[in-house]
Protein backbone atom coordinates (compact mmCIF):
# COMPACT_ATOMS: atom_id res chain seq x y z
CA UNK A 1 130.42 96.62 96.90
CA UNK A 2 133.97 98.07 95.33
CA UNK A 3 132.61 101.12 93.55
CA UNK A 4 133.41 99.67 89.99
CA UNK A 5 130.89 96.90 90.83
CA UNK A 6 128.16 99.48 90.44
CA UNK A 7 125.73 99.84 87.56
CA UNK A 8 122.75 102.82 86.73
CA UNK A 9 119.04 101.09 87.51
CA UNK A 10 115.75 102.94 86.53
CA UNK A 11 113.18 100.48 87.83
CA UNK A 12 112.12 99.91 91.43
CA UNK A 13 110.67 96.92 91.67
CA UNK A 14 113.03 93.83 93.65
CA UNK A 15 114.12 91.53 91.86
CA UNK A 16 113.08 87.62 94.02
CA UNK A 17 116.36 86.06 95.47
CA UNK A 18 117.83 83.06 93.20
CA UNK A 19 119.71 80.86 95.89
CA UNK A 20 122.77 79.36 94.50
CA UNK A 21 123.51 76.03 95.47
CA UNK A 22 125.73 74.97 98.20
CA UNK A 23 128.09 73.09 97.60
CA UNK A 24 128.11 71.19 100.86
CA UNK A 25 124.68 70.69 101.05
CA UNK A 26 123.09 70.36 97.45
CA UNK A 27 122.71 67.46 96.11
CA UNK A 28 122.48 68.68 92.34
CA UNK A 29 126.07 66.76 91.65
CA UNK A 30 126.97 64.44 93.80
CA UNK A 31 130.45 63.15 92.45
CA UNK A 32 131.51 66.67 92.39
CA UNK A 33 130.20 67.38 96.18
CA UNK A 34 132.17 64.56 97.13
CA UNK A 35 134.97 65.56 95.35
CA UNK A 36 135.10 68.88 96.77
CA UNK A 37 134.42 67.64 99.90
CA UNK A 38 137.33 65.62 99.50
CA UNK A 39 139.21 68.12 98.64
CA UNK A 40 138.44 70.32 101.59
CA UNK A 41 139.60 67.59 104.00
CA UNK A 42 142.88 67.62 102.07
CA UNK A 43 143.79 71.32 102.59
CA UNK A 44 142.90 71.33 106.50
CA UNK A 45 145.88 69.09 106.80
CA UNK A 46 147.60 72.09 106.05
CA UNK A 47 148.17 75.53 107.52
CA UNK A 48 145.15 77.86 107.55
CA UNK A 49 145.01 81.15 106.70
CA UNK A 50 143.32 83.13 110.17
CA UNK A 51 142.08 85.80 108.52
CA UNK A 52 140.78 86.63 104.64
CA UNK A 53 139.51 89.81 103.26
CA UNK A 54 137.26 89.67 100.13
CA UNK A 55 136.72 92.56 97.54
CA UNK A 56 133.36 91.01 95.79
CA UNK A 57 133.47 92.51 92.66
CA UNK A 58 131.59 91.89 89.42
CA UNK A 59 127.56 91.36 90.17
CA UNK A 60 126.60 93.91 87.48
CA UNK A 61 129.01 92.24 84.78
CA UNK A 62 127.68 88.66 85.93
CA UNK A 63 124.15 90.19 85.94
CA UNK A 64 124.66 91.17 82.57
CA UNK A 65 126.25 88.31 80.95
CA UNK A 66 123.58 86.36 82.15
CA UNK A 67 121.01 88.84 80.56
CA UNK A 68 119.35 89.35 83.68
CA UNK A 69 116.05 91.72 83.47
CA UNK A 70 117.92 94.07 86.35
CA UNK A 71 121.28 94.78 86.76
CA UNK A 72 120.71 94.90 90.52
CA UNK A 73 120.18 91.28 90.87
CA UNK A 74 123.77 90.33 90.31
CA UNK A 75 123.94 91.64 93.93
CA UNK A 76 121.18 89.22 95.34
CA UNK A 77 123.30 86.35 93.53
CA UNK A 78 126.44 87.93 95.16
CA UNK A 79 125.06 87.54 98.46
CA UNK A 80 124.64 84.23 97.88
CA UNK A 81 128.19 83.34 96.75
CA UNK A 82 128.99 85.17 100.32
CA UNK A 83 126.99 82.57 101.77
CA UNK A 84 128.94 79.98 99.86
CA UNK A 85 132.27 80.99 100.02
CA UNK A 86 131.99 81.99 104.06
CA UNK A 87 130.68 78.53 104.43
CA UNK A 88 134.02 77.35 102.63
CA UNK A 89 136.12 79.76 104.73
CA UNK A 90 134.83 78.71 108.54
CA UNK A 91 134.17 74.98 107.42
CA UNK A 92 138.36 74.89 106.39
CA UNK A 93 138.65 77.01 110.34
CA UNK A 94 139.38 80.44 108.67
CA UNK A 95 138.75 82.59 112.40
CA UNK A 96 138.30 85.84 110.47
CA UNK A 97 136.30 86.92 107.05
CA UNK A 98 136.43 90.29 106.23
CA UNK A 99 133.99 91.49 103.33
CA UNK A 100 134.05 94.77 101.52
CA UNK A 101 129.78 95.55 101.42
CA UNK A 102 130.14 99.26 100.94
CA UNK A 103 132.28 101.66 99.71
CA UNK A 104 131.27 105.45 101.03
CA UNK A 105 131.97 106.61 97.33
CA UNK A 106 128.94 104.36 96.70
CA UNK A 107 126.75 107.27 97.92
CA UNK A 108 127.70 109.23 94.86
CA UNK A 109 125.93 106.37 92.52
CA UNK A 110 122.22 107.21 91.68
CA UNK A 111 119.70 107.08 94.52
CA UNK A 112 117.23 104.33 92.56
CA UNK A 113 120.85 102.00 93.14
CA UNK A 114 121.67 103.23 96.53
CA UNK A 115 117.86 102.85 97.99
CA UNK A 116 117.85 98.99 96.32
CA UNK A 117 120.68 98.23 98.14
CA UNK A 118 120.90 99.80 101.09
CA UNK A 119 117.60 97.39 101.68
CA UNK A 120 119.17 94.67 100.31
CA UNK A 121 121.68 95.19 103.59
CA UNK A 122 118.90 95.84 106.35
CA UNK A 123 117.04 92.42 105.07
CA UNK A 124 120.57 90.61 105.11
CA UNK A 125 121.16 91.75 108.59
CA UNK A 126 118.05 91.32 109.79
CA UNK A 127 118.64 87.36 108.08
CA UNK A 128 122.04 87.40 110.37
CA UNK A 129 120.10 88.04 113.12
CA UNK A 130 117.03 85.46 112.82
CA UNK A 131 117.49 82.75 110.59
CA UNK A 132 121.06 82.41 109.59
CA UNK A 133 122.50 78.92 109.23
CA UNK A 134 125.84 79.45 109.58
CA UNK A 135 125.72 81.83 112.49
CA UNK A 136 124.28 79.29 114.31
CA UNK A 137 126.77 76.47 113.14
CA UNK A 138 129.74 78.26 113.23
CA UNK A 139 129.15 80.56 116.33
CA UNK A 140 129.48 83.57 113.96
CA UNK A 141 130.78 87.09 115.37
CA UNK A 142 128.97 90.30 113.21
CA UNK A 143 131.11 93.08 113.58
CA UNK A 144 130.38 96.31 111.04
CA UNK A 145 133.20 98.06 110.20
CA UNK A 146 132.68 101.49 109.22
CA UNK A 147 131.26 104.92 109.36
CA UNK A 148 127.97 103.62 110.25
CA UNK A 149 126.19 107.12 111.10
CA UNK A 150 126.15 107.75 107.21
CA UNK A 151 123.87 104.71 106.51
CA UNK A 152 119.92 105.32 107.07
CA UNK A 153 118.34 105.05 110.62
CA UNK A 154 116.59 102.33 109.58
CA UNK A 155 119.92 99.81 108.08
CA UNK A 156 121.56 101.35 111.56
CA UNK A 157 119.57 99.56 113.37
CA UNK A 158 119.61 96.61 111.56
CA UNK A 159 123.25 97.15 111.60
CA UNK A 160 123.36 97.17 115.45
CA UNK A 161 120.88 94.29 116.31
CA UNK A 162 122.91 91.69 114.36
CA UNK A 163 125.72 93.13 115.97
CA UNK A 164 124.40 92.83 119.44
CA UNK A 165 122.78 89.50 118.51
CA UNK A 166 126.05 87.71 117.83
CA UNK A 167 128.69 90.13 120.26
CA UNK A 168 128.78 87.10 122.48
CA UNK A 169 129.51 84.17 119.78
CA UNK A 170 133.24 83.18 120.07
CA UNK A 171 133.80 80.99 117.26
CA UNK A 172 134.43 82.44 114.14
CA UNK A 173 133.88 86.77 112.96
CA UNK A 174 132.62 88.11 110.08
CA UNK A 175 133.63 91.78 109.65
CA UNK A 176 131.23 93.85 107.13
CA UNK A 177 132.79 96.51 106.24
CA UNK A 178 129.76 99.08 105.42
CA UNK A 179 130.43 102.29 104.51
CA UNK A 180 134.11 102.25 104.62
CA UNK A 181 136.86 103.03 102.67
CA UNK A 182 140.60 102.52 104.18
CA UNK A 183 141.48 106.01 104.06
CA UNK A 184 138.37 107.18 106.46
CA UNK A 185 139.26 103.94 108.84
CA UNK A 186 143.11 105.63 109.16
CA UNK A 187 141.75 109.08 109.49
CA UNK A 188 139.06 107.62 112.15
CA UNK A 189 142.31 105.89 113.92
CA UNK A 190 144.10 109.18 113.95
CA UNK A 191 141.58 110.72 115.03
CA UNK A 192 140.66 108.99 118.18
CA UNK A 193 144.75 108.94 118.93
CA UNK A 194 144.35 113.03 118.58
CA UNK A 195 141.76 113.03 121.46
CA UNK A 196 143.68 110.38 123.95
CA UNK A 197 146.13 113.13 123.44
CA UNK A 198 143.53 116.08 124.02
CA UNK A 199 142.28 114.34 127.23
CA UNK A 200 146.37 113.71 128.68
CA UNK A 201 146.04 109.85 128.65
CA UNK A 202 149.21 110.22 126.12
CA UNK A 203 152.24 112.39 125.28
CA UNK A 204 152.81 112.71 121.42
CA UNK A 205 156.12 111.17 121.78
CA UNK A 206 153.97 108.00 122.57
CA UNK A 207 152.16 108.09 119.25
CA UNK A 208 153.23 105.23 116.81
CA UNK A 209 152.09 102.76 113.87
CA UNK A 210 151.22 100.48 116.89
CA UNK A 211 148.76 102.88 118.87
CA UNK A 212 147.56 103.62 115.46
CA UNK A 213 147.03 100.58 114.55
CA UNK A 214 145.00 99.66 117.89
CA UNK A 215 142.30 102.11 116.72
CA UNK A 216 141.90 100.79 113.30
CA UNK A 217 138.29 98.92 112.85
CA UNK A 218 139.79 96.02 112.62
CA UNK A 219 141.77 95.93 115.53
CA UNK A 220 141.70 92.55 117.71
CA UNK A 221 141.19 90.32 114.73
CA UNK A 222 144.59 88.06 113.32
CA UNK A 223 146.47 90.06 111.08
CA UNK A 224 145.25 89.99 107.38
CA UNK A 225 146.49 86.81 105.67
CA UNK A 226 145.04 86.76 102.42
CA UNK A 227 143.33 89.66 100.34
CA UNK A 228 141.15 88.31 97.35
CA UNK A 229 139.63 90.57 94.44
CA UNK A 230 137.38 89.25 91.88
CA UNK A 231 136.60 90.53 88.66
CA UNK A 232 139.98 90.62 87.16
CA UNK A 233 140.58 93.99 88.38
CA UNK A 234 143.95 94.85 89.50
CA UNK A 235 143.57 97.22 92.38
CA UNK A 236 142.71 97.71 96.09
CA UNK A 237 139.69 100.32 95.62
CA UNK A 238 140.96 101.84 98.98
CA UNK A 239 139.70 98.68 101.43
CA UNK A 240 142.00 97.50 104.09
CA UNK A 241 145.60 99.70 102.72
CA UNK A 242 146.88 99.37 106.30
CA UNK A 243 146.33 95.77 106.70
CA UNK A 244 147.41 94.33 103.51
CA UNK A 245 150.71 95.96 103.63
CA UNK A 246 152.98 92.96 104.71
CA UNK A 247 153.18 89.90 104.51
CA UNK A 248 149.72 89.35 103.13
CA UNK A 249 149.13 87.38 99.86
CA UNK A 250 146.70 89.74 97.17
CA UNK A 251 145.05 87.52 94.41
CA UNK A 252 143.43 89.24 91.72
CA UNK A 253 140.67 86.24 90.06
CA UNK A 254 139.42 86.33 86.99
CA UNK A 255 136.10 86.12 87.51
CA UNK A 256 132.83 87.60 88.52
CA UNK A 257 132.17 86.97 91.89
CA UNK A 258 128.48 85.34 92.03
CA UNK A 259 131.27 82.75 89.91
CA UNK A 260 133.88 82.61 92.32
CA UNK A 261 134.24 79.11 93.81
CA UNK A 262 136.12 76.38 95.54
CA UNK A 263 138.45 75.64 92.13
CA UNK A 264 139.17 79.72 92.46
CA UNK A 265 139.67 79.41 96.18
CA UNK A 266 142.05 75.99 95.68
CA UNK A 267 144.75 77.65 94.18
CA UNK A 268 145.17 80.22 96.48
CA UNK A 269 144.82 78.53 100.14
CA UNK A 270 147.65 75.93 98.44
CA UNK A 271 149.68 78.47 98.03
CA UNK A 272 149.36 80.11 100.96
CA UNK A 273 150.81 76.82 102.41
CA UNK A 274 152.96 75.70 100.33
CA UNK A 275 154.69 79.48 101.19
CA UNK A 276 153.80 79.42 104.49
CA UNK A 277 155.85 76.00 105.00
CA UNK A 278 158.69 77.35 102.82
CA UNK A 279 158.69 80.37 105.14
CA UNK A 280 158.51 77.65 108.55
CA UNK A 281 161.57 75.61 107.22
CA UNK A 282 163.65 78.91 106.34
CA UNK A 283 163.64 80.54 109.49
CA UNK A 284 163.69 76.55 111.43
CA UNK A 285 167.42 76.65 109.15
CA UNK A 286 168.18 80.30 110.03
CA UNK A 287 167.93 79.40 114.18
CA UNK A 288 169.59 76.51 113.90
CA UNK A 289 172.62 78.16 112.16
CA UNK A 290 172.43 81.09 114.59
CA UNK A 291 172.73 77.92 117.34
CA UNK A 292 175.53 76.48 115.88
CA UNK A 293 177.67 79.86 115.46
CA UNK A 294 177.07 80.40 119.13
CA UNK A 295 178.54 76.95 120.37
C-alpha cells in the first residue's frame, strides 16, 4: 500500500475478511448487474489499454469512514476490491495490471501494523497459488516486482511459490509491487548495467535509456497506458516514475480504493479510447499529407 494508506494500530486481533460483491457474479442487484455487463460489452468494442497501474490508496480512511473497529480492516476490504477491479480489467482484455501493494518506506511504520500487513500478504500469495478463480479464469501469471529480500522469509517463500506456480500462464499478467519504490527499481537497474560493464558484456559508451529500461522490473510488460490513484491524493508516491513518463494517462480519482468501481473506471477507459482514436486519426492524416507531398 502507498505510504499515506497506513495508520497506527495497537490491536493484534486479525479482522475477518468481508467479501465485496463482484458485479460480474453477484445477484444482489439484478438490474445493475445487466447494466454494467452491457457497459463492459460496449467498452470492449473500442481500443483497450494493454497495461494499467493502480495506486490503491485510501483503505484506512475508508475503514474510519465506515466506523470499523480496526482500521486494518480497510486493507482486507481493499484486497476484495482488487479482485473485483482485476476482474473488470481482465474481462475487458487488459493484458497487464500492475499494483502498488507495499512501499519500502512502509517498513518505517509501527511493527504491529507492518506484521499484520505482511501476514495478509502471505495469506493472499498462498490463495493465488491454491484457490484463486481469477488465476484459472484468465490464465493469470503473477510476478513480484520489488526488493523481495526485504520481506520476512515466510512471506518471501509464499511470494516465490505464487510466481513459480503461475509462471507458465500466458493469458494475463498481474505485477505485484512489494516491497517497491521507483527509485529502488531504477537504482537496481543501474547496478545491473554497471555489473554488465564490469563483466565485459558491454562498454560504457553502449549505455543508454533503452539499456536501463531493459533492466527495470517491468521489462517484458507492454508500455504503461494508464495510471490510476484513488483517495483524492494528487501524487505518485514513488510508483512507476520511469514507466509513466510518456504516453501515459494519469488519473487521480476522488474516492477511497474500496469504493472504486466500474463507474469510476468507465470515464477513464472512455477518455483513453477517444484519445487513442483521435491520435490514430491524426497519424493517418499526417501519413496522407506526406504521401501527397511526395507524389
